[in-house]
Amino acid sequence: MSLLDVTIVNVAVPSIRAGLDTSAATIQWVVSGYALAFGMTLVAGGRLGDAHGRRRMMTIGLLGFILSSLAVGLAPNAAAIVVARLVQGASAGLLTPQNSGLIQQLFRGEERGRAFGMFGFTVAVASAAGPLIGGALIALLGEENGWRSLFLINVPIGLVALVLIRRLVPDNDAGAAAEKDPRVDLVGALLLGLAVLSVLYPLISLEGGASLPLLGLLAFPVLAWAFVRWEREAVRRERPPLLDVSLLRGLPGYANGLLVGTLYFTGFTGIFLVLSVHLQEGEGFSPLGAALLMTPFAVGAATTSPLAGRLVGRIGRRVTLVALGVMVTGTALAALLVTQPTDRLWWTLAPAMFLAGVGGGGVISPNFTLTLAEVPPRMGGAAGGALQTGQRIGSALGAALLMTVYLAVDAVASAPVAARSALLAALVVLSAAFAAAVRSWRRGD
């Protein structure tokens, strides 16, 4: 649900703006407010699950998500929507890291790889299902109020999920029992949240067309340094840290996995945004038509994610290497073929997207498995939250980078050439992810 909401709202933005008669700047906060709150709370949410029980935090996060979804769907004005979206993002940040923490706690060896394979499957499906569901509901219910259904649909789904949590998620949380001091590092959470905000806010502002607030980016190294120093001091004084930063030096596989994951999401996430804009504004597709043309990526990813999860326990990092190689090949083909005439895109771009998806499905779940392989289960929630925070930062950076390239080239050339340029930029970043994976494999991480 939390991942679906990241993508489903993109197709609803024009409808929300028309239905509420508000400005583009305000509507940008409907999208970015969720992403900001989500990214700022992931590590703290993971740590709360480690300390107080993942089932409990999952339930609280899901309740918050249901209520805030209801508030968005019934909101009378744009200001109420923005506030509710902030709460919704924070609830998602509390809910999401419990998934990786539970997998880390409950599974070992090849079983853990298979579990993360199914996790990757859900990520792939959510990435593409959001625009499809959003476009279909708006087409069915109309633009003026159809967008409300995109949020209200979370209520019945969430209520069913609450029942499933009570029945399927174990209550005897080993992570909480193993943690001697259940206190949460509030100062560390504040410092990390501000550090993430200092990166995400400028990037999201740039994506929305605003000038880049450099002051925020300049604050990041200072806040990051303060966070690392505070966490080291917490460990030295035997206080529970928000995130034990010694993981980055003591477990090279964890640091390299963070790098590979961040680079991958930087390269791949912006592709969907650029193609969605290009297909609708440059090629005349409807929102639903554009979503359908990108669906082959999700089909390919959903096909390979479970398989990659089973193979990673046997052949390790080589799964990620092969998958990234296929992803790079598919993206290169998409860049080559995106300039074809509009009536040929269904038969040329769709196969390239499928090939890229086949590769993409083999990246997420193996990288989760390998990155968290040596992390103690009692730290699984916070460590998984940090990994997903890197992914959120990468997603924001990639969206801003690729849209900047697209708009800059579109101003001096044709839309298809702009789309090709943006895809080539994504190709460079994905190649960097491949190089990082090769380095990790050679070092045996």
Protein backbone atom coordinates (compact mmCIF):
# COMPACT_ATOMS: atom_id res chain seq x y z
CA MET A 1 0.00 0.00 0.00
CA SER A 2 2.72 2.49 0.93
CA LEU A 3 4.68 1.82 -2.27
CA LEU A 4 1.53 1.91 -4.39
CA ASP A 5 0.71 5.36 -3.05
CA VAL A 6 4.07 6.70 -4.24
CA THR A 7 3.09 6.09 -7.89
CA ILE A 8 -0.71 6.19 -7.92
CA VAL A 9 -0.94 9.89 -7.12
CA ASN A 10 1.12 10.96 -10.16
CA VAL A 11 -1.79 10.41 -12.56
CA ALA A 12 -4.18 12.15 -10.15
CA VAL A 13 -2.34 15.48 -9.97
CA PRO A 14 -4.18 17.18 -12.89
CA SER A 15 -7.54 15.94 -11.56
CA ILE A 16 -6.83 17.17 -8.01
CA ARG A 17 -5.81 20.56 -9.35
CA ALA A 18 -8.96 20.83 -11.46
CA GLY A 19 -11.26 19.53 -8.74
CA LEU A 20 -9.97 21.91 -6.05
CA ASP A 21 -9.06 24.84 -8.35
CA THR A 22 -5.64 25.37 -6.76
CA SER A 23 -2.13 26.23 -7.93
CA ALA A 24 0.52 23.91 -9.35
CA ALA A 25 2.86 24.79 -6.45
CA THR A 26 0.28 23.63 -3.90
CA ILE A 27 -0.40 20.44 -5.83
CA GLN A 28 3.34 19.72 -5.91
CA TRP A 29 3.18 19.41 -2.13
CA VAL A 30 0.50 16.74 -2.45
CA VAL A 31 3.16 14.62 -4.14
CA SER A 32 6.32 15.81 -2.42
CA GLY A 33 4.89 16.06 1.11
CA TYR A 34 4.28 12.31 1.15
CA ALA A 35 7.77 11.58 -0.19
CA LEU A 36 9.44 13.90 2.33
CA ALA A 37 7.65 12.48 5.37
CA PHE A 38 8.19 8.93 4.10
CA GLY A 39 11.94 9.39 3.63
CA MET A 40 12.44 11.21 6.94
CA THR A 41 10.80 8.54 9.11
CA LEU A 42 12.03 5.23 7.62
CA VAL A 43 15.06 4.70 9.88
CA ALA A 44 13.24 5.90 13.01
CA GLY A 45 10.32 3.62 12.12
CA GLY A 46 12.68 0.68 11.72
CA ARG A 47 14.33 1.41 15.06
CA LEU A 48 10.94 1.61 16.80
CA GLY A 49 10.12 -1.83 15.42
CA ASP A 50 13.46 -3.20 16.62
CA ALA A 51 12.87 -1.82 20.11
CA HIS A 52 9.13 -2.18 20.70
CA GLY A 53 8.00 -4.99 18.42
CA ARG A 54 7.45 -5.06 14.69
CA ARG A 55 3.88 -6.30 14.83
CA ARG A 56 2.93 -3.43 17.14
CA MET A 57 4.62 -0.79 14.96
CA MET A 58 3.19 -2.32 11.80
CA THR A 59 -0.31 -2.09 13.29
CA ILE A 60 0.16 1.52 14.44
CA GLY A 61 1.63 2.54 11.08
CA LEU A 62 -1.18 0.87 9.15
CA LEU A 63 -3.85 2.51 11.33
CA GLY A 64 -2.27 5.90 10.69
CA PHE A 65 -2.13 5.16 6.97
CA ILE A 66 -5.81 4.16 6.84
CA LEU A 67 -7.01 7.23 8.75
CA SER A 68 -4.85 9.64 6.76
CA SER A 69 -6.01 8.06 3.48
CA LEU A 70 -9.60 8.63 4.59
CA ALA A 71 -8.72 12.24 5.45
CA VAL A 72 -7.20 12.83 1.99
CA GLY A 73 -10.20 11.30 0.23
CA LEU A 74 -12.66 13.48 2.16
CA ALA A 75 -10.53 16.65 2.32
CA PRO A 76 -12.48 19.85 1.52
CA ASN A 77 -9.46 21.84 0.30
CA ALA A 78 -5.84 21.55 -0.81
CA ALA A 79 -4.38 22.54 2.57
CA ALA A 80 -6.16 19.65 4.29
CA ILE A 81 -4.87 17.27 1.63
CA VAL A 82 -1.26 18.40 2.13
CA VAL A 83 -1.48 17.91 5.91
CA ALA A 84 -3.10 14.50 5.53
CA ARG A 85 -0.46 13.47 2.96
CA LEU A 86 2.30 14.40 5.43
CA VAL A 87 0.69 12.15 8.05
CA GLN A 88 0.21 9.44 5.43
CA GLY A 89 3.91 9.58 4.49
CA ALA A 90 5.03 9.41 8.12
CA SER A 91 2.71 6.43 8.69
CA ALA A 92 4.21 4.71 5.64
CA GLY A 93 7.67 5.38 7.06
CA LEU A 94 6.66 3.58 10.24
CA LEU A 95 4.98 0.71 8.40
CA THR A 96 7.41 -0.09 5.58
CA PRO A 97 10.66 -1.00 7.42
CA GLN A 98 8.83 -3.59 9.52
CA ASN A 99 8.63 -5.75 6.38
CA SER A 100 12.38 -6.08 5.92
CA GLY A 101 12.84 -6.35 9.70
CA LEU A 102 10.40 -9.27 9.91
CA ILE A 103 12.05 -11.04 6.98
CA GLN A 104 15.42 -10.55 8.67
CA GLN A 105 14.03 -11.92 11.93
CA LEU A 106 11.99 -14.88 10.69
CA PHE A 107 14.04 -16.31 7.81
CA ARG A 108 17.58 -17.62 7.36
CA GLY A 109 19.74 -18.66 4.41
CA GLU A 110 17.97 -19.46 1.14
CA GLU A 111 14.55 -18.97 2.77
CA ARG A 112 15.44 -15.33 3.43
CA GLY A 113 16.39 -14.90 -0.23
CA ARG A 114 13.04 -16.32 -1.34
CA ALA A 115 11.21 -14.03 1.09
CA PHE A 116 13.03 -10.97 -0.24
CA GLY A 117 12.23 -12.25 -3.74
CA MET A 118 8.54 -11.96 -2.97
CA PHE A 119 9.21 -8.53 -1.45
CA GLY A 120 10.83 -7.49 -4.75
CA PHE A 121 7.79 -8.88 -6.57
CA THR A 122 5.48 -6.58 -4.61
CA VAL A 123 7.75 -3.58 -5.30
CA ALA A 124 7.65 -4.32 -9.03
CA VAL A 125 3.88 -4.75 -9.09
CA ALA A 126 3.27 -1.60 -7.02
CA SER A 127 5.53 0.51 -9.26
CA ALA A 128 3.40 -0.17 -12.33
CA ALA A 129 0.00 -0.89 -10.79
CA GLY A 130 -0.26 2.62 -9.32
CA PRO A 131 -0.57 4.52 -12.62
CA LEU A 132 -2.80 1.79 -14.09
CA ILE A 133 -5.22 1.77 -11.16
CA GLY A 134 -5.18 5.56 -10.94
CA GLY A 135 -5.85 6.06 -14.64
CA ALA A 136 -8.64 3.47 -14.67
CA LEU A 137 -10.46 4.88 -11.62
CA ILE A 138 -10.29 8.46 -12.89
CA ALA A 139 -11.53 7.35 -16.32
CA LEU A 140 -14.40 5.46 -14.67
CA LEU A 141 -15.48 8.02 -12.07
CA GLY A 142 -14.57 11.27 -13.80
CA GLU A 143 -11.84 13.84 -13.23
CA GLU A 144 -13.61 16.11 -10.76
CA ASN A 145 -13.96 13.59 -7.92
CA GLY A 146 -12.47 10.37 -9.29
CA TRP A 147 -9.12 11.20 -7.70
CA ARG A 148 -10.66 10.83 -4.23
CA SER A 149 -11.25 7.13 -4.88
CA LEU A 150 -7.48 6.62 -5.25
CA PHE A 151 -7.10 7.34 -1.54
CA LEU A 152 -10.41 6.01 -0.24
CA ILE A 153 -9.63 2.59 -1.74
CA ASN A 154 -6.85 2.28 0.86
CA VAL A 155 -9.46 2.10 3.65
CA PRO A 156 -11.03 -1.32 2.90
CA ILE A 157 -7.67 -2.74 1.78
CA GLY A 158 -6.06 -1.50 4.99
CA LEU A 159 -8.79 -2.99 7.18
CA VAL A 160 -8.24 -6.38 5.56
CA ALA A 161 -4.49 -5.97 6.10
CA LEU A 162 -5.07 -5.26 9.81
CA VAL A 163 -6.86 -8.59 10.15
CA LEU A 164 -4.04 -10.36 8.29
CA ILE A 165 -1.42 -8.77 10.55
CA ARG A 166 -3.23 -10.06 13.62
CA ARG A 167 -3.53 -13.56 12.17
CA LEU A 168 -0.21 -13.99 10.36
CA VAL A 169 2.44 -11.78 11.98
CA PRO A 170 3.94 -13.41 15.11
CA ASP A 171 3.44 -11.58 18.39
CA ASN A 172 6.50 -13.00 20.15
CA ASP A 173 8.86 -10.45 18.60
CA ALA A 174 12.39 -11.70 19.03
CA GLY A 175 13.83 -8.32 18.11
CA ALA A 176 12.10 -6.55 20.99
CA ALA A 177 13.00 -9.28 23.45
CA ALA A 178 16.66 -9.21 22.46
CA GLU A 179 16.95 -5.45 22.89
CA LYS A 180 17.91 -4.70 26.52
CA ASP A 181 17.18 -0.98 26.31
CA PRO A 182 13.99 -0.15 24.39
CA ARG A 183 14.63 3.61 24.45
CA VAL A 184 14.71 5.35 21.09
CA ASP A 185 17.40 7.89 20.19
CA LEU A 186 15.24 10.97 19.64
CA VAL A 187 18.17 13.33 19.02
CA GLY A 188 19.59 10.92 16.44
CA ALA A 189 16.18 10.63 14.79
CA LEU A 190 15.92 14.44 14.59
CA LEU A 191 19.43 14.84 13.14
CA LEU A 192 18.91 12.11 10.55
CA GLY A 193 15.47 13.44 9.64
CA LEU A 194 16.90 16.92 9.07
CA ALA A 195 19.78 15.48 7.03
CA VAL A 196 17.34 13.58 4.79
CA LEU A 197 15.14 16.69 4.54
CA SER A 198 18.14 18.81 3.47
CA VAL A 199 18.64 16.49 0.49
CA LEU A 200 15.08 15.56 -0.45
CA TYR A 201 13.53 19.03 -0.26
CA PRO A 202 15.91 20.67 -2.78
CA LEU A 203 15.63 17.70 -5.13
CA ILE A 204 11.84 17.61 -4.98
CA SER A 205 11.71 21.40 -5.44
CA LEU A 206 13.88 21.08 -8.55
CA GLU A 207 11.63 18.29 -9.87
CA GLY A 208 8.62 20.56 -9.43
CA GLY A 209 10.22 23.34 -11.48
CA ALA A 210 11.39 25.58 -8.61
CA SER A 211 14.92 26.92 -8.36
CA LEU A 212 17.26 24.68 -6.42
CA PRO A 213 17.57 25.76 -2.75
CA LEU A 214 21.34 25.33 -2.40
CA LEU A 215 21.28 26.19 1.30
CA GLY A 216 19.58 22.87 2.03
CA LEU A 217 22.21 20.88 0.16
CA LEU A 218 25.00 22.76 1.93
CA ALA A 219 23.48 21.80 5.27
CA PHE A 220 23.58 18.08 4.49
CA PRO A 221 27.27 17.35 5.21
CA VAL A 222 27.05 19.25 8.50
CA LEU A 223 23.92 17.39 9.60
CA ALA A 224 25.30 14.04 8.43
CA TRP A 225 28.54 14.63 10.37
CA ALA A 226 26.56 15.60 13.48
CA PHE A 227 24.42 12.47 13.17
CA VAL A 228 27.43 10.14 12.81
CA ARG A 229 29.21 11.77 15.75
CA TRP A 230 26.10 11.57 17.93
CA GLU A 231 25.54 7.90 17.09
CA ARG A 232 29.17 7.01 17.85
CA GLU A 233 28.87 8.81 21.17
CA ALA A 234 25.68 6.89 21.94
CA VAL A 235 27.47 3.58 21.33
CA ARG A 236 30.45 4.69 23.45
CA ARG A 237 28.14 5.55 26.35
CA GLU A 238 26.23 2.27 25.87
CA ARG A 239 23.01 4.00 24.87
CA PRO A 240 20.89 2.45 22.10
CA PRO A 241 21.74 4.24 18.82
CA LEU A 242 19.17 4.98 16.15
CA LEU A 243 21.49 3.33 13.62
CA ASP A 244 24.82 1.76 14.55
CA VAL A 245 27.08 3.51 12.02
CA SER A 246 29.79 0.90 12.65
CA LEU A 247 27.75 -1.28 10.25
CA LEU A 248 29.14 0.82 7.40
CA ARG A 249 32.75 0.01 8.29
CA GLY A 250 32.37 -3.34 9.99
CA LEU A 251 30.17 -4.85 7.28
CA PRO A 252 31.50 -3.85 3.82
CA GLY A 253 28.65 -5.74 2.17
CA TYR A 254 26.15 -3.44 3.90
CA ALA A 255 27.88 -0.25 2.72
CA ASN A 256 28.23 -1.54 -0.84
CA GLY A 257 24.61 -2.69 -0.88
CA LEU A 258 23.51 0.80 0.16
CA LEU A 259 25.54 2.26 -2.72
CA VAL A 260 24.23 -0.20 -5.33
CA GLY A 261 20.62 0.29 -4.19
CA THR A 262 20.85 4.09 -4.17
CA LEU A 263 22.45 4.21 -7.63
CA TYR A 264 19.93 1.73 -9.05
CA PHE A 265 16.91 3.70 -7.80
CA THR A 266 18.53 6.93 -9.04
CA GLY A 267 18.78 5.46 -12.53
CA PHE A 268 15.51 3.56 -12.78
CA THR A 269 12.85 5.59 -10.96
CA GLY A 270 13.14 8.70 -13.13
CA ILE A 271 12.58 6.62 -16.27
CA PHE A 272 8.89 6.20 -15.39
CA LEU A 273 8.40 9.91 -14.74
CA VAL A 274 10.14 10.99 -17.96
CA LEU A 275 8.34 8.45 -20.13
CA SER A 276 4.98 9.29 -18.54
CA VAL A 277 5.46 12.99 -19.31
CA HIS A 278 6.88 12.34 -22.78
CA LEU A 279 4.20 9.87 -23.85
CA GLN A 280 1.37 12.16 -22.72
CA GLU A 281 2.73 15.59 -23.68
CA GLY A 282 5.06 14.65 -26.51
CA GLU A 283 3.23 11.74 -28.14
CA GLY A 284 -0.42 12.42 -27.24
CA PHE A 285 -1.09 9.31 -25.12
CA SER A 286 -3.79 9.32 -22.45
CA PRO A 287 -2.66 8.73 -18.82
CA LEU A 288 -3.99 5.17 -19.01
CA GLY A 289 -2.35 4.57 -22.39
CA ALA A 290 1.02 5.78 -21.11
CA ALA A 291 0.72 3.53 -18.05
CA LEU A 292 -0.14 0.54 -20.24
CA LEU A 293 2.92 1.10 -22.42
CA MET A 294 5.16 1.02 -19.32
CA THR A 295 3.45 -2.05 -17.85
CA PRO A 296 5.83 -4.52 -19.59
CA PHE A 297 8.54 -3.35 -17.19
CA ALA A 298 6.45 -4.49 -14.22
CA VAL A 299 5.60 -7.78 -15.94
CA GLY A 300 9.28 -8.50 -16.52
CA ALA A 301 10.24 -7.51 -12.97
CA ALA A 302 7.43 -9.55 -11.41
CA THR A 303 8.60 -12.57 -13.41
CA THR A 304 12.23 -12.49 -12.30
CA SER A 305 12.01 -11.20 -8.70
CA PRO A 306 10.97 -14.53 -7.09
CA LEU A 307 13.49 -16.44 -9.24
CA ALA A 308 16.31 -14.06 -8.28
CA GLY A 309 15.36 -14.46 -4.62
CA ARG A 310 15.80 -18.23 -4.92
CA LEU A 311 19.12 -17.99 -6.79
CA VAL A 312 20.85 -15.41 -4.61
CA GLY A 313 21.52 -17.94 -1.84
CA ARG A 314 23.41 -20.14 -4.31
CA ILE A 315 25.38 -17.74 -6.49
CA GLY A 316 25.36 -14.50 -4.49
CA ARG A 317 26.27 -11.15 -6.01
CA ARG A 318 26.48 -12.61 -9.53
CA VAL A 319 22.67 -12.48 -9.65
CA THR A 320 22.81 -8.71 -9.24
CA LEU A 321 25.58 -8.41 -11.84
CA VAL A 322 23.65 -10.31 -14.50
CA ALA A 323 20.41 -8.48 -13.66
CA LEU A 324 22.03 -5.04 -13.87
CA GLY A 325 23.61 -6.03 -17.18
CA VAL A 326 20.18 -6.95 -18.57
CA MET A 327 18.69 -3.74 -17.14
CA VAL A 328 21.41 -1.64 -18.80
CA THR A 329 20.79 -3.43 -22.12
CA GLY A 330 17.03 -2.84 -21.94
CA THR A 331 17.50 0.84 -21.07
CA ALA A 332 19.94 1.27 -23.97
CA LEU A 333 17.40 -0.26 -26.35
CA ALA A 334 14.67 2.01 -24.98
CA ALA A 335 16.90 5.05 -25.57
CA LEU A 336 17.51 3.87 -29.13
CA LEU A 337 13.84 3.17 -29.91
CA VAL A 338 12.02 6.00 -28.10
CA THR A 339 12.43 8.27 -31.15
CA GLN A 340 10.35 5.94 -33.34
CA PRO A 341 7.04 7.29 -34.74
CA THR A 342 4.16 7.30 -32.26
CA ASP A 343 2.27 4.45 -33.92
CA ARG A 344 5.32 2.18 -33.64
CA LEU A 345 6.05 2.74 -29.95
CA TRP A 346 3.72 -0.07 -28.85
CA TRP A 347 5.80 -2.58 -30.82
CA THR A 348 9.26 -1.11 -30.26
CA LEU A 349 9.38 0.52 -26.82
CA ALA A 350 7.27 -2.10 -25.01
CA PRO A 351 9.74 -5.01 -25.63
CA ALA A 352 12.64 -2.83 -24.47
CA MET A 353 10.74 -1.99 -21.28
CA PHE A 354 10.04 -5.68 -20.72
CA LEU A 355 13.75 -6.51 -21.05
CA ALA A 356 14.67 -3.71 -18.65
CA GLY A 357 12.06 -5.05 -16.21
CA VAL A 358 13.49 -8.57 -16.44
CA GLY A 359 16.79 -7.10 -15.29
CA GLY A 360 15.26 -4.78 -12.72
CA GLY A 361 13.41 -7.62 -11.03
CA GLY A 362 16.73 -9.32 -10.36
CA VAL A 363 18.25 -6.32 -8.60
CA ILE A 364 15.99 -5.30 -5.72
CA SER A 365 15.44 -8.57 -3.84
CA PRO A 366 19.02 -9.95 -4.14
CA ASN A 367 20.43 -6.59 -3.08
CA PHE A 368 18.21 -6.58 0.02
CA THR A 369 19.27 -10.14 0.85
CA LEU A 370 23.00 -9.52 0.39
CA THR A 371 23.02 -6.10 2.06
CA LEU A 372 21.27 -7.32 5.22
CA ALA A 373 22.87 -10.80 5.29
CA GLU A 374 25.27 -10.07 8.17
CA VAL A 375 23.16 -7.49 10.00
CA PRO A 376 22.01 -8.79 13.43
CA PRO A 377 18.22 -9.32 13.50
CA ARG A 378 17.89 -6.89 16.44
CA MET A 379 19.11 -4.13 14.08
CA GLY A 380 17.21 -5.40 11.04
CA GLY A 381 14.48 -2.75 11.10
CA ALA A 382 16.80 0.27 11.37
CA ALA A 383 19.30 -1.18 8.88
CA GLY A 384 16.51 -1.96 6.41
CA GLY A 385 15.07 1.51 6.96
CA ALA A 386 18.45 3.07 6.11
CA LEU A 387 18.60 0.99 2.93
CA GLN A 388 15.14 2.19 1.91
CA THR A 389 16.03 5.79 2.82
CA GLY A 390 18.90 5.57 0.33
CA GLN A 391 16.42 4.31 -2.23
CA ARG A 392 14.06 7.24 -1.57
CA ILE A 393 16.92 9.74 -1.92
CA GLY A 394 18.00 7.99 -5.12
CA SER A 395 14.44 8.13 -6.45
CA ALA A 396 14.17 11.87 -5.80
CA LEU A 397 17.62 12.53 -7.27
CA GLY A 398 16.87 10.44 -10.36
CA ALA A 399 13.50 12.09 -10.98
CA ALA A 400 15.05 15.56 -10.67
CA LEU A 401 18.07 14.66 -12.83
CA LEU A 402 16.17 12.99 -15.66
CA MET A 403 13.40 15.61 -15.78
CA THR A 404 16.00 18.39 -15.85
CA VAL A 405 17.74 16.72 -18.80
CA TYR A 406 14.41 16.14 -20.57
CA LEU A 407 13.18 19.73 -20.16
CA ALA A 408 16.56 21.25 -21.08
CA VAL A 409 16.85 19.26 -24.31
CA ASP A 410 13.15 19.68 -25.13
CA ALA A 411 13.65 23.46 -25.10
CA VAL A 412 16.17 23.28 -27.97
CA ALA A 413 15.22 20.04 -29.77
CA SER A 414 12.27 17.69 -30.30
CA ALA A 415 10.48 15.78 -27.52
CA PRO A 416 11.71 12.35 -28.74
CA VAL A 417 15.32 13.59 -28.68
CA ALA A 418 14.74 14.92 -25.16
CA ALA A 419 13.38 11.54 -24.06
CA ARG A 420 16.40 9.79 -25.56
CA SER A 421 18.76 12.18 -23.75
CA ALA A 422 17.04 11.51 -20.41
CA LEU A 423 17.23 7.74 -20.95
CA LEU A 424 20.93 8.04 -21.78
CA ALA A 425 21.42 9.90 -18.48
CA ALA A 426 19.66 7.01 -16.72
CA LEU A 427 21.96 4.62 -18.57
CA VAL A 428 25.03 6.37 -17.16
CA VAL A 429 23.74 6.05 -13.59
CA LEU A 430 22.73 2.40 -14.04
CA SER A 431 26.20 1.70 -15.44
CA ALA A 432 27.64 3.21 -12.25
CA ALA A 433 25.44 0.82 -10.23
CA PHE A 434 26.79 -2.05 -12.33
CA ALA A 435 30.37 -0.92 -11.66
CA ALA A 436 29.67 -0.76 -7.91
CA ALA A 437 28.23 -4.29 -8.00
CA VAL A 438 31.32 -5.54 -9.89
CA ARG A 439 33.56 -3.96 -7.25
CA SER A 440 31.57 -5.59 -4.45
CA TRP A 441 31.71 -9.00 -6.19
CA ARG A 442 35.47 -8.80 -6.72
CA ARG A 443 36.02 -7.92 -3.06
CA GLY A 444 33.82 -10.81 -2.01
CA ASP A 445 31.36 -8.61 -0.08
